[in-house]
Structure formats: C-alpha cells, structure tokens
C-alpha cells in the first residue's frame, strides 16, 4: 500500500525549507523591531473558544473547523486561527490588562477544512501579532505599516492596502439593520449560504464570493456610512496616521473580514502576483474579545500573514537573500585511517560553528568530489595515507579550483577566518 499526505496538506521538503526559514526569520526580526515578544499556544483548544469568538454565522465555525471529542467527551478543535488562543493564553497567564500594553507575536500551523487550492491548504501556516491595552488609532496605523516593512524586507513589492471600519457595539446594530432591509427583497435570488446569513449574521453576506450574489452585494449599504461619532473619529485618525507614515491605502467598503470579533478598523494587504485569492495578510481591531473571554474590558488589535502565499511569491520572484545554506566543507577521505582523521576533524569543525559533511561509504575520490559538488560545498579537504603521514592535506576552493596545503591542527582556524 502506498501512503500519501492527507488531502489539503503538503510536505515541506529540504529543497524549499530554506524559503520557509528565510520568511520566518524575517518575521521574527521585523516583529522584534516593534518590540513584540513570541508566544506559543497549543495546536488544539476547547471548541467553545473558537465558536464563541469567531462567530456561529461564519464559514469557519459552520463548515471548516476540525473538531473532535477527547476520551472524556470534551469537544476540542484544531486551531483555525490564533487570536482567540492568544487571548485565552494571555488571560490565563496574566499577560493582558487594560493598564498595560502587551505586544505578542506567533508563528505556526492552523487548520481549516477548505477546498485545497494554490496558496491555501487545510493545514496552513500563519505569522501574526496581537496588541492589547491600547485603543489609539496610531497603533492601527503602525501595525499596517509593519506589514509593509515586513514585505519590503522579504523582497515583495507592488502591494495594495485596503482598509475599512466595521464600527462598534453602538453602531453595528444599525448597520446590520440596514443590511437586512437592503437584502430582504433580493435574498430569494441569492445562494443558500446568504439566505442563512441574513437570519443568523447579516454582515457575513458581504463575505460571499458567489458571482450572482456579488451583483447585489456591490450596491449594499456601507459600514462607514453608519459609523457612530467615536468610530468615525477613530477611522479618520487612522487615515491621518497612515498618511503621516507615508502608507498608501484604499478604502474598501465591502471589507468586513471573516471573523465576528472585529470592531472598528479592519484591513487587508493584497498582492497583484496572486490570482483571485490575493490577500496575503489581514487583520483588525477587536476591542470586545478580551471582555467576552472573562477579562476586563481591554482594547486590542492584530493581524495574520499567510505564509504559504508569501512563500509562493518569494519562489516566483526568486528573491535574493533566501538561498539555501551551502555546506562549508566536505572532507574526502581515502582509506580507514583517513576516515578516522576526517571524522575527528569534522567533529572539531562542527563544534566551531561550521557545516561539514563527509563520505561514510568508502567511495572513490571521483565519487566523493561529485557528492561535494552536488551539495554545493564551498571547500573540499582531501585526506589519504600520504596526508596522514605529513599531518596536512590540500584544501580546495570549489568556486575557483585554487588549492592550498593546510595542517590538520590549522584547519579550523583557517576556515573560521574565511567565514
């Protein structure tokens, strides 16, 4: 029987892992620029954490969560997103308070039962940040700017930023009522999901991607026209800060994001280098979620980056700076005594911080040189019986073919100086 990876999952093979490491390391570096600290939460949580925060009218909760019962009958869910888990962890470990600004970031796999397509898998990976304890519009603008800094450092250009405001508890009900009134005489011609959303969660209709439904959605009421005074001021200030930070943006009146916990600012970063599913990052403010999880009222905002889509772009662009790390040295040995010396030297060099490989099968020198070439080794050190007798061997530079005799005891120092 031949086993294959489950549908919607993908093996990340050695030849592409360096792309992932480059992107992940860049995320960590940029997040540190803004003083964010890493948090790691369990891959599964209590199901209620997600159904309560994301919203029962969302596709994620209704169709996409991987939920199961444990041996004691408790309902658990593989995390479909990370914000709810970070809020839970922050409250449980006393990291979140309305009096203190807390900045956290995460990287890791998420799980949603979706139709697999380019850049979208059932196990997918995200990097993201969460900020707790500050409601200032400057923070909204700053984390949007952070996205541009991140993508510029990765090497991705030509991005577009879409922003919107979905309001708060005071003005969301009025907007929801306007949505119901607008779609009430159109819903009979719309998809089954939209008909259900109109009853359960009217704003979710704006998420529908059905082409026929989009014709009606295009002319639906906009959330910015139904903002209360405080939300309007907040949204205006976000735009003022973005302009001051030289961040170009567009207001997308249909942008509501797919999660119910959002309040006020929502945004997406989209790439022209992807197809219809072109969003590579999205986020927004969620000022009510901490309180809904049992904490004190605490403003919060965050975003998540889809790493699969970033990797796709990096691969297509062949971004300079994310090339695989070459082996520093390959030790070619001829004979048992030479192999013993090669193993000894390899151990010393690895402890000195160099990447070293060698032959384990007693192959001919020609085969060993081919192996060194395949792994793109920068140098080859060739040891045989004569070299054992002399206590030195030839170090060959594989890029230009130059060779020099180096004593065994000087090899580590010589290579460390070259690096």
Protein backbone atom coordinates (compact mmCIF):
# COMPACT_ATOMS: atom_id res chain seq x y z
CA UNK A 1 0.00 0.00 0.00
CA UNK A 2 1.29 3.43 -0.95
CA UNK A 3 0.63 6.17 1.58
CA UNK A 4 0.25 9.81 0.60
CA UNK A 5 -0.11 13.05 2.55
CA UNK A 6 -3.75 13.76 3.54
CA UNK A 7 -5.66 15.97 1.11
CA UNK A 8 -5.08 19.60 1.89
CA UNK A 9 -1.68 19.03 3.49
CA UNK A 10 1.76 19.33 1.97
CA UNK A 11 5.22 18.02 2.81
CA UNK A 12 7.77 20.82 3.05
CA UNK A 13 10.84 19.22 1.51
CA UNK A 14 14.51 20.07 2.20
CA UNK A 15 14.91 21.97 -1.07
CA UNK A 16 12.25 24.51 -0.06
CA UNK A 17 12.68 24.61 3.71
CA UNK A 18 15.24 27.39 3.30
CA UNK A 19 12.46 29.61 1.86
CA UNK A 20 10.36 29.00 4.96
CA UNK A 21 13.28 29.66 7.27
CA UNK A 22 14.05 32.91 5.44
CA UNK A 23 10.45 34.17 5.74
CA UNK A 24 10.02 33.01 9.34
CA UNK A 25 13.32 34.55 10.43
CA UNK A 26 12.41 37.81 8.70
CA UNK A 27 9.06 37.84 10.52
CA UNK A 28 10.81 37.38 13.85
CA UNK A 29 13.32 40.10 13.02
CA UNK A 30 10.72 42.69 11.96
CA UNK A 31 8.37 41.91 14.85
CA UNK A 32 11.31 42.47 17.19
CA UNK A 33 11.87 45.91 15.59
CA UNK A 34 8.48 46.88 17.04
CA UNK A 35 9.15 45.21 20.44
CA UNK A 36 6.87 42.18 20.08
CA UNK A 37 7.56 39.02 22.10
CA UNK A 38 6.84 35.48 20.84
CA UNK A 39 4.08 33.33 22.34
CA UNK A 40 3.39 29.66 21.52
CA UNK A 41 -0.03 28.16 22.26
CA UNK A 42 -1.32 24.55 21.92
CA UNK A 43 -2.40 23.37 18.47
CA UNK A 44 -5.83 22.41 19.85
CA UNK A 45 -8.13 24.29 22.22
CA UNK A 46 -11.59 23.97 23.68
CA UNK A 47 -14.08 24.25 20.79
CA UNK A 48 -16.03 26.96 22.62
CA UNK A 49 -13.05 29.32 22.39
CA UNK A 50 -13.39 29.49 18.60
CA UNK A 51 -17.15 29.19 18.18
CA UNK A 52 -17.66 31.97 20.72
CA UNK A 53 -15.07 34.36 19.30
CA UNK A 54 -15.16 33.73 15.55
CA UNK A 55 -18.97 33.62 15.40
CA UNK A 56 -21.59 30.92 14.77
CA UNK A 57 -22.60 32.53 11.48
CA UNK A 58 -19.14 32.29 9.93
CA UNK A 59 -18.00 29.69 7.41
CA UNK A 60 -15.06 28.84 9.67
CA UNK A 61 -17.29 27.69 12.54
CA UNK A 62 -20.09 26.23 10.41
CA UNK A 63 -18.02 24.36 7.82
CA UNK A 64 -14.28 24.44 8.33
CA UNK A 65 -13.24 23.53 11.88
CA UNK A 66 -11.56 20.22 12.70
CA UNK A 67 -13.45 19.29 15.88
CA UNK A 68 -13.26 16.06 17.86
CA UNK A 69 -14.10 14.61 21.29
CA UNK A 70 -11.34 13.52 23.62
CA UNK A 71 -11.54 10.37 25.76
CA UNK A 72 -13.62 12.19 28.37
CA UNK A 73 -16.09 13.54 25.82
CA UNK A 74 -14.78 17.12 25.80
CA UNK A 75 -15.03 18.95 22.49
CA UNK A 76 -11.66 20.10 21.17
CA UNK A 77 -10.75 21.87 17.93
CA UNK A 78 -7.51 22.20 15.97
CA UNK A 79 -6.94 25.93 15.92
CA UNK A 80 -8.38 27.56 12.76
CA UNK A 81 -6.80 30.88 13.75
CA UNK A 82 -4.63 32.14 16.58
CA UNK A 83 -6.14 35.33 18.01
CA UNK A 84 -8.66 33.56 20.23
CA UNK A 85 -5.95 31.21 21.52
CA UNK A 86 -3.63 34.13 22.32
CA UNK A 87 -6.41 35.90 24.22
CA UNK A 88 -7.09 32.74 26.21
CA UNK A 89 -3.38 32.28 26.97
CA UNK A 90 -2.93 35.96 27.81
CA UNK A 91 -5.76 35.92 30.33
CA UNK A 92 -4.81 32.57 31.84
CA UNK A 93 -1.21 33.71 32.37
CA UNK A 94 -1.97 37.30 33.45
CA UNK A 95 -0.35 38.87 30.38
CA UNK A 96 -3.35 41.03 29.44
CA UNK A 97 -4.51 44.10 31.34
CA UNK A 98 -6.22 47.36 30.29
CA UNK A 99 -3.50 49.25 32.20
CA UNK A 100 -0.55 47.62 30.37
CA UNK A 101 0.36 47.49 26.67
CA UNK A 102 1.19 43.89 25.72
CA UNK A 103 2.70 43.08 22.32
CA UNK A 104 2.83 39.43 21.25
CA UNK A 105 3.61 37.54 18.04
CA UNK A 106 3.26 33.93 16.89
CA UNK A 107 4.19 31.57 14.06
CA UNK A 108 2.68 28.16 13.44
CA UNK A 109 0.21 25.85 11.69
CA UNK A 110 -3.58 26.41 11.57
CA UNK A 111 -6.29 24.05 10.33
CA UNK A 112 -9.44 24.61 8.25
CA UNK A 113 -11.42 22.15 6.18
CA UNK A 114 -11.43 24.11 2.92
CA UNK A 115 -11.18 23.22 -0.74
CA UNK A 116 -7.41 23.00 -1.37
CA UNK A 117 -6.09 25.44 -3.96
CA UNK A 118 -2.94 27.42 -4.74
CA UNK A 119 -1.66 29.05 -1.56
CA UNK A 120 -4.49 27.59 0.54
CA UNK A 121 -4.26 24.25 2.31
CA UNK A 122 -6.21 22.55 5.08
CA UNK A 123 -3.10 22.74 7.21
CA UNK A 124 -1.66 26.17 6.60
CA UNK A 125 0.77 28.43 8.41
CA UNK A 126 0.46 31.93 9.78
CA UNK A 127 2.62 34.55 11.40
CA UNK A 128 0.85 37.29 13.28
CA UNK A 129 0.86 39.89 16.03
CA UNK A 130 -1.58 40.94 18.75
CA UNK A 131 -1.54 44.18 20.76
CA UNK A 132 -3.54 44.54 23.98
CA UNK A 133 -4.24 47.55 26.18
CA UNK A 134 -4.25 50.48 23.74
CA UNK A 135 -7.07 51.97 21.64
CA UNK A 136 -5.02 54.72 19.99
CA UNK A 137 -5.51 54.90 16.17
CA UNK A 138 -1.73 55.26 15.91
CA UNK A 139 -1.39 51.56 16.78
CA UNK A 140 -3.81 50.65 13.99
CA UNK A 141 -1.68 52.59 11.52
CA UNK A 142 1.57 51.26 12.95
CA UNK A 143 0.72 47.57 12.52
CA UNK A 144 -0.43 48.27 8.96
CA UNK A 145 2.93 49.95 8.35
CA UNK A 146 4.64 46.92 9.94
CA UNK A 147 3.23 44.78 7.16
CA UNK A 148 4.92 46.93 4.53
CA UNK A 149 8.21 46.87 6.43
CA UNK A 150 7.97 43.08 6.65
CA UNK A 151 7.17 42.53 2.98
CA UNK A 152 9.79 45.03 1.82
CA UNK A 153 12.43 43.21 3.89
CA UNK A 154 11.31 39.89 2.39
CA UNK A 155 11.57 41.43 -1.10
CA UNK A 156 7.90 41.72 -2.09
CA UNK A 157 6.72 44.94 -3.74
CA UNK A 158 3.64 46.16 -5.58
CA UNK A 159 1.26 45.52 -2.69
CA UNK A 160 -2.08 47.21 -2.08
CA UNK A 161 -3.60 48.01 1.31
CA UNK A 162 -7.37 48.02 1.74
CA UNK A 163 -8.93 49.42 4.93
CA UNK A 164 -12.43 49.82 6.32
CA UNK A 165 -14.23 50.33 9.63
CA UNK A 166 -16.96 47.93 10.73
CA UNK A 167 -18.00 50.01 13.73
CA UNK A 168 -18.60 49.04 17.35
CA UNK A 169 -21.39 47.75 19.61
CA UNK A 170 -23.11 51.13 19.36
CA UNK A 171 -23.29 51.40 15.57
CA UNK A 172 -23.04 47.80 14.34
CA UNK A 173 -26.75 47.07 15.06
CA UNK A 174 -27.82 49.99 12.86
CA UNK A 175 -25.63 48.77 10.03
CA UNK A 176 -26.91 45.22 10.45
CA UNK A 177 -30.48 46.52 10.21
CA UNK A 178 -29.60 48.41 7.03
CA UNK A 179 -28.14 45.21 5.55
CA UNK A 180 -31.32 43.26 6.37
CA UNK A 181 -33.54 45.94 4.85
CA UNK A 182 -31.44 46.10 1.68
CA UNK A 183 -31.28 42.34 1.06
CA UNK A 184 -34.82 41.46 2.17
CA UNK A 185 -36.25 41.73 -1.37
CA UNK A 186 -33.12 40.33 -3.07
CA UNK A 187 -32.34 37.32 -0.90
CA UNK A 188 -34.69 34.98 -2.79
CA UNK A 189 -32.31 35.18 -5.79
CA UNK A 190 -29.16 34.60 -3.71
CA UNK A 191 -27.30 31.45 -2.60
CA UNK A 192 -28.33 29.20 0.27
CA UNK A 193 -25.49 30.46 2.48
CA UNK A 194 -26.58 34.07 2.05
CA UNK A 195 -30.17 33.18 2.93
CA UNK A 196 -28.94 31.62 6.17
CA UNK A 197 -26.62 34.53 6.93
CA UNK A 198 -29.43 37.05 6.56
CA UNK A 199 -31.13 35.41 9.54
CA UNK A 200 -28.11 34.46 11.66
CA UNK A 201 -25.46 37.10 10.86
CA UNK A 202 -26.38 39.63 8.12
CA UNK A 203 -22.91 41.23 7.77
CA UNK A 204 -21.47 37.86 6.71
CA UNK A 205 -23.38 38.21 3.40
CA UNK A 206 -20.65 40.62 2.33
CA UNK A 207 -18.16 37.71 2.53
CA UNK A 208 -19.97 35.74 -0.19
CA UNK A 209 -17.84 35.09 -3.30
CA UNK A 210 -20.71 33.79 -5.48
CA UNK A 211 -20.72 35.85 -8.71
CA UNK A 212 -24.52 36.14 -8.79
CA UNK A 213 -24.64 37.30 -5.15
CA UNK A 214 -21.85 39.79 -5.80
CA UNK A 215 -24.13 41.72 -8.16
CA UNK A 216 -26.39 42.51 -5.20
CA UNK A 217 -23.56 42.95 -2.70
CA UNK A 218 -21.92 45.56 -4.92
CA UNK A 219 -24.65 48.10 -4.13
CA UNK A 220 -25.24 47.18 -0.48
CA UNK A 221 -25.06 49.83 2.26
CA UNK A 222 -21.55 50.60 3.52
CA UNK A 223 -20.42 50.36 7.12
CA UNK A 224 -18.59 53.72 7.03
CA UNK A 225 -21.91 55.44 6.33
CA UNK A 226 -23.34 54.00 9.55
CA UNK A 227 -20.49 54.71 11.99
CA UNK A 228 -21.18 56.41 15.30
CA UNK A 229 -19.31 59.62 16.12
CA UNK A 230 -16.48 57.92 18.04
CA UNK A 231 -15.90 55.27 15.36
CA UNK A 232 -15.84 57.91 12.63
CA UNK A 233 -13.25 59.97 14.53
CA UNK A 234 -11.17 56.83 15.11
CA UNK A 235 -11.26 55.89 11.42
CA UNK A 236 -10.35 59.43 10.35
CA UNK A 237 -7.36 59.42 12.72
CA UNK A 238 -6.18 56.04 11.41
CA UNK A 239 -6.12 57.54 7.92
CA UNK A 240 -4.29 60.64 9.18
CA UNK A 241 -1.58 58.47 10.77
CA UNK A 242 -1.24 56.33 7.65
CA UNK A 243 -0.65 59.47 5.59
CA UNK A 244 1.94 60.68 8.10
CA UNK A 245 3.68 57.30 7.84
CA UNK A 246 3.59 57.55 4.02
CA UNK A 247 1.47 54.43 3.74
CA UNK A 248 -0.73 54.39 0.66
CA UNK A 249 -4.13 52.78 1.10
CA UNK A 250 -7.62 52.45 -0.38
CA UNK A 251 -10.94 52.34 1.46
CA UNK A 252 -12.77 49.11 0.59
CA UNK A 253 -16.40 49.49 1.66
CA UNK A 254 -17.03 45.74 1.28
CA UNK A 255 -14.19 44.64 3.52
CA UNK A 256 -15.55 43.09 6.73
CA UNK A 257 -13.14 40.15 7.22
CA UNK A 258 -14.37 36.65 8.02
CA UNK A 259 -14.40 36.80 11.83
CA UNK A 260 -17.13 38.24 14.03
CA UNK A 261 -14.90 39.66 16.75
CA UNK A 262 -13.66 42.61 14.66
CA UNK A 263 -14.55 46.16 15.68
CA UNK A 264 -13.65 49.45 14.01
CA UNK A 265 -10.52 49.12 11.84
CA UNK A 266 -10.16 46.13 9.50
CA UNK A 267 -7.58 45.82 6.74
CA UNK A 268 -6.06 43.51 4.13
CA UNK A 269 -2.82 43.51 2.18
CA UNK A 270 -3.24 42.10 -1.32
CA UNK A 271 -0.72 41.11 -3.99
CA UNK A 272 -1.18 41.53 -7.73
CA UNK A 273 1.06 38.48 -8.21
CA UNK A 274 -1.63 36.10 -6.94
CA UNK A 275 -4.95 35.10 -8.51
CA UNK A 276 -8.44 35.60 -7.14
CA UNK A 277 -7.30 34.61 -3.64
CA UNK A 278 -4.88 37.53 -3.46
CA UNK A 279 -4.89 38.51 0.22
CA UNK A 280 -1.56 37.76 1.91
CA UNK A 281 -2.35 39.45 5.20
CA UNK A 282 -5.41 40.65 7.08
CA UNK A 283 -6.40 41.87 10.48
CA UNK A 284 -8.20 44.43 12.53
CA UNK A 285 -9.26 45.71 15.91
CA UNK A 286 -11.22 43.54 18.36
CA UNK A 287 -11.97 45.68 21.42
CA UNK A 288 -14.63 43.38 22.92
CA UNK A 289 -12.98 39.94 22.75
CA UNK A 290 -10.97 40.09 25.98
CA UNK A 291 -14.07 41.02 27.96
CA UNK A 292 -16.09 38.27 26.26
CA UNK A 293 -13.43 35.80 27.44
CA UNK A 294 -13.92 36.92 31.04
CA UNK A 295 -11.25 39.59 31.26
CA UNK A 296 -11.53 43.30 31.98
CA UNK A 297 -12.57 45.49 29.01
CA UNK A 298 -9.32 45.74 27.05
CA UNK A 299 -8.83 47.19 23.54
CA UNK A 300 -6.86 45.01 21.14
CA UNK A 301 -5.75 44.77 17.51
CA UNK A 302 -3.80 42.26 15.43
CA UNK A 303 -3.13 40.69 12.05
CA UNK A 304 -2.10 37.39 10.50
CA UNK A 305 0.12 36.71 7.48
CA UNK A 306 -0.50 33.64 5.31
CA UNK A 307 2.95 32.08 4.95
CA UNK A 308 2.06 29.72 2.06
CA UNK A 309 1.14 32.67 -0.12
CA UNK A 310 4.27 34.56 0.89
CA UNK A 311 6.39 31.51 0.03
CA UNK A 312 4.68 31.26 -3.39
CA UNK A 313 5.59 34.87 -4.16
CA UNK A 314 9.15 34.54 -2.86
CA UNK A 315 9.63 31.43 -5.01
CA UNK A 316 8.24 33.11 -8.15
CA UNK A 317 10.32 36.24 -7.63
CA UNK A 318 13.46 34.23 -6.78
CA UNK A 319 14.12 36.70 -4.01
CA UNK A 320 17.81 37.29 -3.36
CA UNK A 321 18.80 36.54 0.22
CA UNK A 322 16.85 33.34 0.72
CA UNK A 323 19.20 30.91 -0.99
CA UNK A 324 19.85 27.57 0.74
CA UNK A 325 22.87 27.50 3.05
CA UNK A 326 25.74 25.69 1.36
CA UNK A 327 27.94 23.20 3.20
CA UNK A 328 31.13 24.93 4.34
CA UNK A 329 33.39 21.90 3.91
CA UNK A 330 33.28 18.37 2.52
CA UNK A 331 36.03 16.08 3.83
CA UNK A 332 37.04 13.48 1.22
CA UNK A 333 38.85 10.52 2.73
CA UNK A 334 40.75 7.58 1.16
CA UNK A 335 41.25 4.63 3.47
CA UNK A 336 40.28 3.71 7.02
CA UNK A 337 42.94 5.83 8.78
CA UNK A 338 42.00 8.83 6.66
CA UNK A 339 38.34 8.33 7.54
CA UNK A 340 39.16 8.30 11.27
CA UNK A 341 41.06 11.57 10.92
CA UNK A 342 38.23 13.03 8.80
CA UNK A 343 35.63 12.18 11.44
CA UNK A 344 37.83 13.74 14.14
CA UNK A 345 38.26 16.96 12.11
CA UNK A 346 34.57 17.11 11.22
CA UNK A 347 33.64 16.96 14.91
CA UNK A 348 36.05 19.79 15.75
CA UNK A 349 34.81 22.00 12.91
CA UNK A 350 31.13 21.47 13.71
CA UNK A 351 31.78 22.46 17.31
CA UNK A 352 33.47 25.58 15.93
CA UNK A 353 30.26 26.51 14.11
CA UNK A 354 30.94 25.25 10.58
CA UNK A 355 28.73 22.96 8.49
CA UNK A 356 30.69 19.87 7.49
CA UNK A 357 29.88 16.64 5.66
CA UNK A 358 31.98 13.64 4.65
CA UNK A 359 31.85 10.24 2.99
CA UNK A 360 30.55 7.29 5.01
CA UNK A 361 30.73 4.55 2.38
CA UNK A 362 34.37 4.39 1.32
CA UNK A 363 33.63 5.65 -2.21
CA UNK A 364 36.31 6.54 -4.76
CA UNK A 365 37.66 10.11 -4.74
CA UNK A 366 35.87 10.93 -8.00
CA UNK A 367 32.51 9.92 -6.50
CA UNK A 368 33.22 11.90 -3.35
CA UNK A 369 34.05 15.02 -5.39
CA UNK A 370 30.78 14.63 -7.26
CA UNK A 371 28.94 14.39 -3.95
CA UNK A 372 30.65 17.57 -2.73
CA UNK A 373 29.65 19.32 -5.94
CA UNK A 374 26.00 18.20 -5.63
CA UNK A 375 25.74 19.62 -2.11
CA UNK A 376 27.47 22.82 -3.31
CA UNK A 377 30.24 22.55 -0.72
CA UNK A 378 32.42 25.66 -0.67
CA UNK A 379 35.61 23.75 0.14
CA UNK A 380 36.86 20.17 -0.05
CA UNK A 381 39.65 18.81 2.20
CA UNK A 382 41.21 15.66 0.74
CA UNK A 383 42.86 13.17 3.14
CA UNK A 384 44.75 9.98 2.15
CA UNK A 385 47.60 7.89 3.53
CA UNK A 386 50.25 10.43 2.40
CA UNK A 387 48.33 13.25 4.11
CA UNK A 388 48.11 11.22 7.33
CA UNK A 389 51.88 10.79 7.25
CA UNK A 390 52.51 14.52 6.62
CA UNK A 391 49.87 15.80 9.04
CA UNK A 392 48.41 18.10 6.41
CA UNK A 393 46.14 17.97 3.35
CA UNK A 394 45.00 20.06 0.41
CA UNK A 395 42.06 22.44 0.89
CA UNK A 396 40.34 23.05 -2.44
CA UNK A 397 38.18 26.09 -3.15
CA UNK A 398 35.32 24.68 -5.22
CA UNK A 399 34.39 28.01 -6.80
CA UNK A 400 37.78 28.78 -8.39
CA UNK A 401 39.72 25.48 -8.07
CA UNK A 402 42.56 27.01 -6.01
CA UNK A 403 44.26 24.69 -3.53
CA UNK A 404 46.49 25.20 -0.52
CA UNK A 405 48.12 22.82 1.95
CA UNK A 406 46.69 23.18 5.44
CA UNK A 407 47.90 21.33 8.54
CA UNK A 408 45.27 19.33 10.41
CA UNK A 409 45.66 21.49 13.52
CA UNK A 410 45.27 24.71 11.48
CA UNK A 411 42.17 23.71 9.51
CA UNK A 412 39.62 25.04 12.00
CA UNK A 413 41.36 28.41 12.34
CA UNK A 414 41.82 28.76 8.56
CA UNK A 415 38.17 28.05 7.77
CA UNK A 416 36.83 30.24 10.60
CA UNK A 417 38.89 33.14 9.22
CA UNK A 418 37.35 32.60 5.78
CA UNK A 419 33.85 32.82 7.28
